[in-house]
C-alpha atoms as a PDB file:
ATOM      1  CA  MET A   1      29.382 -20.879  -4.657  1.00  0.00           C
ATOM      2  CA  PRO A   2      27.485 -20.215  -1.260  1.00  0.00           C
ATOM      3  CA  GLY A   3      30.546 -18.428   0.342  1.00  0.00           C
ATOM      4  CA  VAL A   4      30.334 -15.784  -2.837  1.00  0.00           C
ATOM      5  CA  VAL A   5      26.462 -15.450  -2.016  1.00  0.00           C
ATOM      6  CA  ALA A   6      27.487 -14.689   1.652  1.00  0.00           C
ATOM      7  CA  ALA A   7      30.125 -12.296   0.721  1.00  0.00           C
ATOM      8  CA  GLY A   8      27.765 -10.216  -1.640  1.00  0.00           C
ATOM      9  CA  THR A   9      25.113 -10.081   1.173  1.00  0.00           C
ATOM     10  CA  THR A  10      24.967  -7.813   3.876  1.00  0.00           C
ATOM     11  CA  PHE A  11      22.926  -7.333   6.942  1.00  0.00           C
ATOM     12  CA  LYS A  12      22.048  -4.239   8.640  1.00  0.00           C
ATOM     13  CA  ILE A  13      19.972  -4.053  11.594  1.00  0.00           C
ATOM     14  CA  GLY A  14      20.043  -0.406  13.208  1.00  0.00           C
ATOM     15  CA  ARG A  15      17.751   2.538  14.634  1.00  0.00           C
ATOM     16  CA  VAL A  16      15.050   3.972  12.581  1.00  0.00           C
ATOM     17  CA  ARG A  17      16.124   7.312  14.439  1.00  0.00           C
ATOM     18  CA  MET A  18      19.786   8.124  15.946  1.00  0.00           C
ATOM     19  CA  PRO A  19      19.282   9.339  19.850  1.00  0.00           C
ATOM     20  CA  ARG A  20      19.755  12.840  20.408  1.00  0.00           C
ATOM     21  CA  ASP A  21      21.954  14.607  22.338  1.00  0.00           C
ATOM     22  CA  ARG A  22      20.232  13.843  26.214  1.00  0.00           C
ATOM     23  CA  GLU A  23      19.550  10.520  25.335  1.00  0.00           C
ATOM     24  CA  VAL A  24      21.628   7.204  26.367  1.00  0.00           C
ATOM     25  CA  ALA A  25      22.338   5.354  23.192  1.00  0.00           C
ATOM     26  CA  ASP A  26      22.009   1.827  24.768  1.00  0.00           C
ATOM     27  CA  LEU A  27      18.959   2.663  26.931  1.00  0.00           C
ATOM     28  CA  PRO A  28      16.225   4.514  24.860  1.00  0.00           C
ATOM     29  CA  ALA A  29      13.525   6.450  27.200  1.00  0.00           C
ATOM     30  CA  VAL A  30      11.088   5.786  24.467  1.00  0.00           C
ATOM     31  CA  PRO A  31      10.306   2.065  22.466  1.00  0.00           C
ATOM     32  CA  VAL A  32      12.679   2.401  19.574  1.00  0.00           C
ATOM     33  CA  THR A  33      11.462   0.536  16.112  1.00  0.00           C
ATOM     34  CA  ARG A  34      14.018  -1.085  14.858  1.00  0.00           C
ATOM     35  CA  LYS A  35      14.685  -2.006  11.058  1.00  0.00           C
ATOM     36  CA  HIS A  36      16.486  -4.744   9.147  1.00  0.00           C
ATOM     37  CA  VAL A  37      18.174  -4.226   6.162  1.00  0.00           C
ATOM     38  CA  MET A  38      19.367  -6.404   3.420  1.00  0.00           C
ATOM     39  CA  SER A  39      21.293  -5.819   0.660  1.00  0.00           C
ATOM     40  CA  ARG A  40      23.043  -8.011  -1.886  1.00  0.00           C
ATOM     41  CA  THR A  41      25.124  -7.136  -4.982  1.00  0.00           C
ATOM     42  CA  GLN A  42      24.131  -8.045  -8.232  1.00  0.00           C
ATOM     43  CA  LEU A  43      26.746 -10.731  -8.320  1.00  0.00           C
ATOM     44  CA  ALA A  44      25.216 -12.367  -5.078  1.00  0.00           C
ATOM     45  CA  ILE A  45      21.454 -11.861  -6.699  1.00  0.00           C
ATOM     46  CA  TRP A  46      22.842 -13.716 -10.040  1.00  0.00           C
ATOM     47  CA  LEU A  47      24.641 -16.462  -7.953  1.00  0.00           C
ATOM     48  CA  SER A  48      22.088 -17.605  -5.679  1.00  0.00           C
ATOM     49  CA  PHE A  49      20.011 -20.294  -5.812  1.00  0.00           C
ATOM     50  CA  PRO A  50      17.029 -19.824  -6.933  1.00  0.00           C
ATOM     51  CA  GLN A  51      13.717 -20.145  -4.664  1.00  0.00           C
ATOM     52  CA  ARG A  52      10.837 -22.252  -4.616  1.00  0.00           C
ATOM     53  CA  HIS A  53       7.475 -21.540  -5.965  1.00  0.00           C
ATOM     54  CA  TYR A  54       5.668 -22.579  -3.122  1.00  0.00           C
ATOM     55  CA  THR A  55       5.550 -20.831   0.262  1.00  0.00           C
ATOM     56  CA  PRO A  56       3.479 -22.064   3.265  1.00  0.00           C
ATOM     57  CA  TRP A  57       2.473 -18.833   4.365  1.00  0.00           C
ATOM     58  CA  ALA A  58       0.779 -17.937   1.095  1.00  0.00           C
ATOM     59  CA  ARG A  59      -1.678 -20.367   1.990  1.00  0.00           C
ATOM     60  CA  ASN A  60      -2.042 -20.079   5.151  1.00  0.00           C
ATOM     61  CA  GLN A  61      -2.941 -15.951   4.642  1.00  0.00           C
ATOM     62  CA  GLY A  62      -5.171 -16.938   2.347  1.00  0.00           C
ATOM     63  CA  TYR A  63      -7.273 -18.996   5.101  1.00  0.00           C
ATOM     64  CA  ILE A  64      -7.025 -16.439   7.315  1.00  0.00           C
ATOM     65  CA  MET A  65      -8.866 -14.051   4.724  1.00  0.00           C
ATOM     66  CA  LEU A  66     -11.186 -16.768   4.138  1.00  0.00           C
ATOM     67  CA  GLY A  67     -11.764 -16.782   7.936  1.00  0.00           C
ATOM     68  CA  VAL A  68     -11.939 -13.124   8.783  1.00  0.00           C
ATOM     69  CA  ALA A  69     -14.542 -12.870   5.736  1.00  0.00           C
ATOM     70  CA  ALA A  70     -16.710 -15.619   7.124  1.00  0.00           C
ATOM     71  CA  LEU A  71     -16.588 -13.837  10.718  1.00  0.00           C
ATOM     72  CA  VAL A  72     -17.497 -10.534   8.889  1.00  0.00           C
ATOM     73  CA  HIS A  73     -20.031 -11.982   7.096  1.00  0.00           C
ATOM     74  CA  LEU A  74     -21.561 -13.921  10.067  1.00  0.00           C
ATOM     75  CA  VAL A  75     -21.685 -10.448  11.838  1.00  0.00           C
ATOM     76  CA  THR A  76     -23.333  -8.167   9.375  1.00  0.00           C
ATOM     77  CA  SER A  77     -25.820 -10.818   8.630  1.00  0.00           C
ATOM     78  CA  LEU A  78     -26.780 -10.713  12.081  1.00  0.00           C
ATOM     79  CA  VAL A  79     -26.847  -7.527  12.195  1.00  0.00           C
ATOM     80  CA  LEU A  80     -28.783  -7.039   9.278  1.00  0.00           C
ATOM     81  CA  ALA A  81     -31.189  -9.676  10.407  1.00  0.00           C
ATOM     82  CA  MET A  82     -32.118  -7.905  14.069  1.00  0.00           C
ATOM     83  CA  ALA A  83     -31.743  -4.305  12.306  1.00  0.00           C
ATOM     84  CA  ARG A  84     -35.094  -4.930  10.210  1.00  0.00           C
ATOM     85  CA  GLU A  85     -37.756  -6.760   8.713  1.00  0.00           C
ATOM     86  CA  SER A  86     -35.774  -8.251   5.340  1.00  0.00           C
ATOM     87  CA  SER A  87     -35.753 -11.092   3.341  1.00  0.00           C
ATOM     88  CA  TRP A  88     -33.411 -13.903   3.886  1.00  0.00           C
ATOM     89  CA  GLY A  89     -31.897 -13.319   0.415  1.00  0.00           C
ATOM     90  CA  GLU A  90     -30.843  -9.753   1.725  1.00  0.00           C
ATOM     91  CA  VAL A  91     -29.944 -10.688   4.795  1.00  0.00           C
ATOM     92  CA  LEU A  92     -27.202 -13.483   3.317  1.00  0.00           C
ATOM     93  CA  LEU A  93     -25.990 -11.557   0.262  1.00  0.00           C
ATOM     94  CA  ALA A  94     -25.622  -8.216   1.158  1.00  0.00           C
ATOM     95  CA  PRO A  95     -22.853  -8.692   3.831  1.00  0.00           C
ATOM     96  CA  PHE A  96     -21.029  -9.609   0.427  1.00  0.00           C
ATOM     97  CA  CYS A  97     -20.472  -6.273  -0.504  1.00  0.00           C
ATOM     98  CA  LEU A  98     -18.275  -5.715   2.556  1.00  0.00           C
ATOM     99  CA  THR A  99     -16.423  -9.282   2.464  1.00  0.00           C
ATOM    100  CA  GLY A 100     -15.843  -9.856  -1.140  1.00  0.00           C
ATOM    101  CA  VAL A 101     -12.723  -8.761  -1.718  1.00  0.00           C
ATOM    102  CA  PHE A 102     -11.734 -10.909   1.415  1.00  0.00           C
ATOM    103  CA  TRP A 103     -13.716 -13.985   0.092  1.00  0.00           C
ATOM    104  CA  GLY A 104     -11.733 -13.792  -3.766  1.00  0.00           C
ATOM    105  CA  LEU A 105      -8.402 -12.855  -2.181  1.00  0.00           C
ATOM    106  CA  GLY A 106      -8.410 -15.523   0.273  1.00  0.00           C
ATOM    107  CA  LEU A 107      -9.707 -18.165  -2.714  1.00  0.00           C
ATOM    108  CA  LEU A 108      -6.882 -16.832  -4.906  1.00  0.00           C
ATOM    109  CA  PHE A 109      -3.990 -17.283  -2.157  1.00  0.00           C
ATOM    110  CA  VAL A 110      -5.399 -21.242  -1.125  1.00  0.00           C
ATOM    111  CA  ILE A 111      -5.898 -21.822  -4.832  1.00  0.00           C
ATOM    112  CA  GLY A 112      -2.918 -20.422  -6.080  1.00  0.00           C
ATOM    113  CA  SER A 113      -0.541 -21.635  -3.670  1.00  0.00           C
ATOM    114  CA  TYR A 114      -2.029 -25.368  -4.236  1.00  0.00           C
ATOM    115  CA  GLY A 115      -0.790 -24.796  -8.144  1.00  0.00           C
ATOM    116  CA  ALA A 116       2.680 -23.470  -6.897  1.00  0.00           C
ATOM    117  CA  GLN A 117       2.930 -26.584  -4.657  1.00  0.00           C
ATOM    118  CA  LYS A 118       1.987 -28.816  -7.125  1.00  0.00           C
ATOM    119  CA  ARG A 119       4.637 -27.356  -9.352  1.00  0.00           C
ATOM    120  CA  ASP A 120       7.268 -27.369  -6.287  1.00  0.00           C
ATOM    121  CA  LEU A 121       6.866 -31.530  -5.961  1.00  0.00           C
ATOM    122  CA  ALA A 122       6.614 -31.882  -9.769  1.00  0.00           C
ATOM    123  CA  GLU A 123      10.784 -29.965 -10.029  1.00  0.00           C
ATOM    124  CA  ALA A 124      11.903 -31.545  -6.653  1.00  0.00           C
ATOM    125  CA  PRO A 125      14.224 -34.043  -8.669  1.00  0.00           C
ATOM    126  CA  ALA A 126      15.519 -31.281 -10.906  1.00  0.00           C
ATOM    127  CA  ARG A 127      15.934 -28.841  -7.940  1.00  0.00           C
ATOM    128  CA  GLU A 128      17.583 -31.926  -5.819  1.00  0.00           C
ATOM    129  CA  ARG A 129      20.316 -32.305  -9.120  1.00  0.00           C
ATOM    130  CA  ALA A 130      20.624 -28.643  -9.455  1.00  0.00           C
ATOM    131  CA  ILE A 131      21.653 -28.029  -5.958  1.00  0.00           C
ATOM    132  CA  GLU A 132      24.501 -30.369  -5.915  1.00  0.00           C
ATOM    133  CA  VAL A 133      25.811 -28.703  -9.366  1.00  0.00           C
ATOM    134  CA  TRP A 134      25.606 -25.368  -7.649  1.00  0.00           C
ATOM    135  CA  GLU A 135      27.397 -26.499  -4.698  1.00  0.00           C
ATOM    136  CA  SER A 136      30.240 -27.574  -6.875  1.00  0.00           C
ATOM    137  CA  LEU A 137      30.460 -23.938  -8.677  1.00  0.00           C
ATOM    138  CA  HIS A 138      33.155 -21.824  -8.476  1.00  0.00           C
ATOM    139  CA  TYR A 139      33.616 -18.334  -9.174  1.00  0.00           C
ATOM    140  CA  CYS A 140      36.810 -16.629 -10.623  1.00  0.00           C
ATOM    141  CA  ARG A 141      36.829 -13.009  -9.722  1.00  0.00           C
ATOM    142  CA  ARG A 142      39.649 -11.838 -12.127  1.00  0.00           C
ATOM    143  CA  ASP A 143      37.915 -13.109 -15.016  1.00  0.00           C
ATOM    144  CA  ASN A 144      34.350 -12.799 -13.947  1.00  0.00           C
ATOM    145  CA  LEU A 145      33.380 -16.138 -14.599  1.00  0.00           C
ATOM    146  CA  VAL A 146      31.865 -19.167 -13.129  1.00  0.00           C
ATOM    147  CA  TYR A 147      33.191 -22.743 -13.913  1.00  0.00           C
ATOM    148  CA  GLU A 148      32.523 -26.096 -12.441  1.00  0.00           C
ATOM    149  CA  PRO A 149      35.843 -28.149 -12.185  1.00  0.00           C
ATOM    150  CA  GLY A 150      36.606 -30.907 -14.258  1.00  0.00           C
ATOM    151  CA  VAL A 151      33.650 -30.083 -16.573  1.00  0.00           C
ATOM    152  CA  GLY A 152      35.619 -27.304 -18.604  1.00  0.00           C
ATOM    153  CA  VAL A 153      32.743 -24.999 -19.331  1.00  0.00           C
ATOM    154  CA  THR A 154      32.643 -21.568 -18.235  1.00  0.00           C
ATOM    155  CA  PHE A 155      29.965 -18.807 -18.340  1.00  0.00           C
ATOM    156  CA  HIS A 156      28.964 -15.251 -16.917  1.00  0.00           C
ATOM    157  CA  PRO A 157      27.186 -15.342 -13.912  1.00  0.00           C
ATOM    158  CA  SER A 158      24.114 -14.485 -15.067  1.00  0.00           C
ATOM    159  CA  GLU A 159      23.212 -18.060 -16.813  1.00  0.00           C
ATOM    160  CA  THR A 160      23.751 -19.589 -13.411  1.00  0.00           C
ATOM    161  CA  ARG A 161      20.475 -20.829 -13.226  1.00  0.00           C
ATOM    162  CA  GLN A 162      20.281 -21.860 -16.971  1.00  0.00           C
ATOM    163  CA  TYR A 163      23.522 -23.471 -16.431  1.00  0.00           C
ATOM    164  CA  ILE A 164      22.458 -25.573 -13.551  1.00  0.00           C
ATOM    165  CA  PHE A 165      19.118 -26.371 -14.237  1.00  0.00           C
ATOM    166  CA  GLY A 166      19.548 -26.953 -18.550  1.00  0.00           C
ATOM    167  CA  PHE A 167      23.016 -27.976 -19.202  1.00  0.00           C
ATOM    168  CA  ARG A 168      23.870 -30.638 -16.613  1.00  0.00           C
ATOM    169  CA  ARG A 169      21.317 -33.376 -17.000  1.00  0.00           C
END
């Protein structure tokens, strides 16, 4: 199955703008922004192994947002404390107008990533079995069917996820 998915996935690395007549294509005079494009056929999407729920970068983004919020909150509090006579309540609570969104999104990312990590750990044994089944699947181009040798069951490629996680337990 990985071969069919790879055959339906193309990567294109190229320039955002084409070089003008007087420019040398290999040696641009100015820095050129690059673009990386990946396209997949619907068949490759159907036959791909499903991604995990947990991504560590979401948790790390949450920690970065919390750090930025704390830094902005601290600086704003110090500026308010030095600017005029104000109570400590104003100094500590007023910066939440600026940093409230960062605090909220940071907490949402961190708490959400821990929930996804727990779900991934709970699903780990099922994913191990599912990847073994997925690696043994074959695709028939003529009939547009997926089958597993020796089992005798065929199904449409859009039902790959249900087959690898549900049928073969």
